[in-house]
């Protein structure tokens, strides 16, 4: 009897170990399915700067805003918001159209501004002719300009946020453009 009891306990122990192993494997597969269904998106700026130290010349930031779909699902109805600091010397410009522009001016790879023209701090833009970003695809709002004349010391960050049907609260760019400079008035140097 004793021999049979040890055999049964060993078999039960082996089955319990196998069951735990199977459950861990199933849990891993479920987690993998959940992770693969997640939307993964990144947005970022690329830019170059031409900083003037001459008070008579403008400084310039030439940049592009990129949105990359790193997931395995489409991102639908993407749009972006580029924010300029309030009361800063920075002025924003870019190649975009407004809703009431003639259709002939709206190119397939262009962007449309979807907020008030009068706003100098927020630029809400959506790509024309693009309703989704497919996996491993990137869309870009290219060649925008931020200009400023360094009449006095300045500091501020150009930020960006990307929105879509899947992320109604949006995500921030991973690298805001931080601009700051100290302007010395000639009288300051003599002190």
Protein backbone atom coordinates (compact mmCIF):
# COMPACT_ATOMS: atom_id res chain seq x y z
CA UNK A 1 0.00 0.00 0.00
CA UNK A 2 2.76 2.36 0.98
CA UNK A 3 4.42 1.95 -2.40
CA UNK A 4 1.14 2.70 -4.23
CA UNK A 5 0.54 5.81 -2.11
CA UNK A 6 3.98 7.24 -2.97
CA UNK A 7 3.37 6.53 -6.65
CA UNK A 8 0.00 8.35 -6.52
CA UNK A 9 1.51 11.34 -4.67
CA UNK A 10 4.33 11.52 -7.19
CA UNK A 11 1.87 11.40 -10.11
CA UNK A 12 -0.34 14.10 -8.50
CA UNK A 13 2.73 16.28 -7.92
CA UNK A 14 3.84 15.77 -11.52
CA UNK A 15 0.34 16.66 -12.81
CA UNK A 16 0.24 19.79 -10.63
CA UNK A 17 3.62 20.87 -11.99
CA UNK A 18 2.43 20.23 -15.57
CA UNK A 19 -0.80 22.17 -14.93
CA UNK A 20 1.17 25.16 -13.57
CA UNK A 21 3.46 25.00 -16.57
CA UNK A 22 0.50 24.92 -18.99
CA UNK A 23 -1.23 27.78 -17.16
CA UNK A 24 1.95 29.90 -17.32
CA UNK A 25 2.29 29.15 -21.03
CA UNK A 26 -1.37 30.06 -21.68
CA UNK A 27 -0.99 33.24 -19.62
CA UNK A 28 2.07 34.17 -21.69
CA UNK A 29 0.18 33.61 -24.94
CA UNK A 30 -2.76 35.72 -23.72
CA UNK A 31 -0.38 38.53 -22.67
CA UNK A 32 1.31 38.33 -26.07
CA UNK A 33 -2.07 38.63 -27.81
CA UNK A 34 -2.99 41.62 -25.65
CA UNK A 35 0.37 43.28 -26.32
CA UNK A 36 0.18 42.68 -30.05
CA UNK A 37 -3.24 44.29 -30.19
CA UNK A 38 -1.97 47.45 -28.50
CA UNK A 39 -1.58 50.56 -30.52
CA UNK A 40 1.96 51.91 -30.50
CA UNK A 41 2.53 55.38 -31.84
CA UNK A 42 5.36 57.86 -31.45
CA UNK A 43 5.54 61.49 -32.50
CA UNK A 44 8.66 63.62 -32.66
CA UNK A 45 10.27 66.72 -34.17
CA UNK A 46 13.29 66.90 -36.41
CA UNK A 47 14.72 70.38 -36.80
CA UNK A 48 17.69 72.58 -37.47
CA UNK A 49 18.47 75.97 -36.00
CA UNK A 50 20.02 79.12 -37.40
CA UNK A 51 20.62 81.29 -34.36
CA UNK A 52 21.67 84.87 -34.92
CA UNK A 53 23.55 86.76 -32.25
CA UNK A 54 23.06 89.97 -34.18
CA UNK A 55 20.14 91.97 -32.80
CA UNK A 56 19.29 93.12 -36.33
CA UNK A 57 18.76 89.60 -37.73
CA UNK A 58 16.11 86.93 -37.22
CA UNK A 59 16.79 83.52 -35.79
CA UNK A 60 15.14 80.52 -37.41
CA UNK A 61 14.08 76.98 -36.55
CA UNK A 62 13.21 74.87 -39.58
CA UNK A 63 11.42 71.70 -38.53
CA UNK A 64 9.17 68.77 -39.32
CA UNK A 65 6.63 66.96 -37.14
CA UNK A 66 6.53 63.17 -37.61
CA UNK A 67 3.94 60.62 -36.49
CA UNK A 68 5.01 56.96 -36.73
CA UNK A 69 2.74 53.95 -36.28
CA UNK A 70 4.89 51.33 -34.55
CA UNK A 71 1.98 49.02 -33.79
CA UNK A 72 0.20 46.43 -35.86
CA UNK A 73 -3.15 48.23 -36.18
CA UNK A 74 -4.13 51.23 -38.29
CA UNK A 75 -4.30 54.62 -36.62
CA UNK A 76 -7.40 56.44 -37.85
CA UNK A 77 -8.14 60.14 -38.29
CA UNK A 78 -4.75 61.46 -37.14
CA UNK A 79 -4.30 65.15 -36.38
CA UNK A 80 -1.67 67.17 -34.54
CA UNK A 81 -1.43 70.30 -32.44
CA UNK A 82 1.74 72.38 -32.42
CA UNK A 83 1.88 74.85 -29.52
CA UNK A 84 3.92 78.02 -29.36
CA UNK A 85 4.44 79.62 -25.91
CA UNK A 86 2.10 82.50 -25.13
CA UNK A 87 3.70 85.96 -25.10
CA UNK A 88 6.90 84.64 -26.68
CA UNK A 89 8.81 86.28 -29.54
CA UNK A 90 8.31 83.15 -31.68
CA UNK A 91 6.16 83.21 -34.81
CA UNK A 92 5.08 80.00 -36.55
CA UNK A 93 4.50 79.43 -40.25
CA UNK A 94 4.13 76.37 -42.42
CA UNK A 95 2.60 74.99 -45.58
CA UNK A 96 -1.02 74.37 -44.76
CA UNK A 97 -4.39 75.42 -46.10
CA UNK A 98 -7.65 76.39 -44.47
CA UNK A 99 -11.02 74.72 -44.97
CA UNK A 100 -12.36 77.45 -47.25
CA UNK A 101 -9.39 77.39 -49.65
CA UNK A 102 -10.05 76.36 -53.24
CA UNK A 103 -9.82 72.63 -53.84
CA UNK A 104 -7.07 73.27 -56.42
CA UNK A 105 -4.83 74.60 -53.61
CA UNK A 106 -5.32 71.49 -51.48
CA UNK A 107 -2.68 68.97 -52.50
CA UNK A 108 -3.02 65.28 -51.64
CA UNK A 109 0.07 65.38 -49.42
CA UNK A 110 -0.84 68.72 -47.81
CA UNK A 111 -2.17 69.65 -44.40
CA UNK A 112 -5.20 71.66 -43.35
CA UNK A 113 -5.40 73.94 -40.34
CA UNK A 114 -8.58 73.08 -38.44
CA UNK A 115 -8.61 75.73 -35.70
CA UNK A 116 -9.08 79.51 -35.78
CA UNK A 117 -6.69 81.42 -38.02
CA UNK A 118 -6.37 84.10 -35.38
CA UNK A 119 -4.70 81.79 -32.84
CA UNK A 120 -0.96 82.46 -32.75
CA UNK A 121 -0.27 79.84 -30.04
CA UNK A 122 -2.02 76.68 -31.28
CA UNK A 123 -1.89 75.18 -34.74
CA UNK A 124 -4.27 72.22 -35.13
CA UNK A 125 -3.49 70.38 -38.37
CA UNK A 126 -4.79 67.31 -40.15
CA UNK A 127 -3.30 65.64 -43.21
CA UNK A 128 -5.30 65.98 -46.42
CA UNK A 129 -6.16 62.72 -48.15
CA UNK A 130 -4.91 60.63 -45.21
CA UNK A 131 -7.48 59.04 -42.93
CA UNK A 132 -5.24 56.36 -41.46
CA UNK A 133 -1.61 55.58 -40.73
CA UNK A 134 -0.86 51.94 -41.43
CA UNK A 135 1.57 49.86 -39.34
CA UNK A 136 5.22 50.89 -39.85
CA UNK A 137 4.12 54.01 -41.74
CA UNK A 138 5.07 57.61 -40.93
CA UNK A 139 3.33 60.83 -41.86
CA UNK A 140 5.06 64.20 -41.60
CA UNK A 141 4.13 67.86 -41.47
CA UNK A 142 7.31 69.09 -43.12
CA UNK A 143 9.25 72.32 -43.28
CA UNK A 144 7.51 74.52 -40.76
CA UNK A 145 9.35 77.59 -39.55
CA UNK A 146 9.61 79.27 -36.19
CA UNK A 147 11.19 82.74 -36.40
CA UNK A 148 12.15 85.23 -33.74
CA UNK A 149 14.19 88.39 -33.36
CA UNK A 150 16.27 88.39 -30.19
CA UNK A 151 15.47 91.93 -29.00
CA UNK A 152 15.56 90.68 -25.40
CA UNK A 153 16.28 87.43 -23.58
CA UNK A 154 13.86 84.65 -24.48
CA UNK A 155 12.89 81.14 -23.43
CA UNK A 156 10.16 78.76 -24.47
CA UNK A 157 9.31 75.31 -25.75
CA UNK A 158 7.59 74.39 -28.99
CA UNK A 159 5.46 71.38 -28.09
CA UNK A 160 3.37 68.99 -30.11
CA UNK A 161 0.54 66.56 -29.44
CA UNK A 162 -0.83 63.82 -31.69
CA UNK A 163 -4.47 62.73 -31.59
CA UNK A 164 -6.42 59.98 -33.32
CA UNK A 165 -9.59 57.92 -32.86
CA UNK A 166 -7.67 55.48 -30.67
CA UNK A 167 -6.03 58.21 -28.51
CA UNK A 168 -8.57 60.96 -27.95
CA UNK A 169 -6.47 62.44 -25.11
CA UNK A 170 -3.42 62.56 -27.37
CA UNK A 171 0.26 61.89 -26.80
CA UNK A 172 3.04 64.46 -26.58
CA UNK A 173 6.07 64.56 -28.85
CA UNK A 174 9.07 62.90 -27.27
CA UNK A 175 11.34 65.88 -27.94
CA UNK A 176 9.88 69.37 -27.59
CA UNK A 177 11.97 72.12 -29.16
CA UNK A 178 13.46 74.17 -26.33
CA UNK A 179 14.65 77.62 -27.37
CA UNK A 180 16.32 80.08 -25.04
CA UNK A 181 18.87 82.81 -25.27
CA UNK A 182 20.26 85.70 -23.29
CA UNK A 183 20.57 89.05 -24.99
CA UNK A 184 23.17 91.33 -23.46
CA UNK A 185 22.53 95.01 -23.77
CA UNK A 186 25.75 96.93 -24.52
CA UNK A 187 25.65 98.75 -21.18
CA UNK A 188 25.66 95.37 -19.36
CA UNK A 189 29.12 94.47 -20.68
CA UNK A 190 30.80 97.47 -19.07
CA UNK A 191 29.70 96.57 -15.54
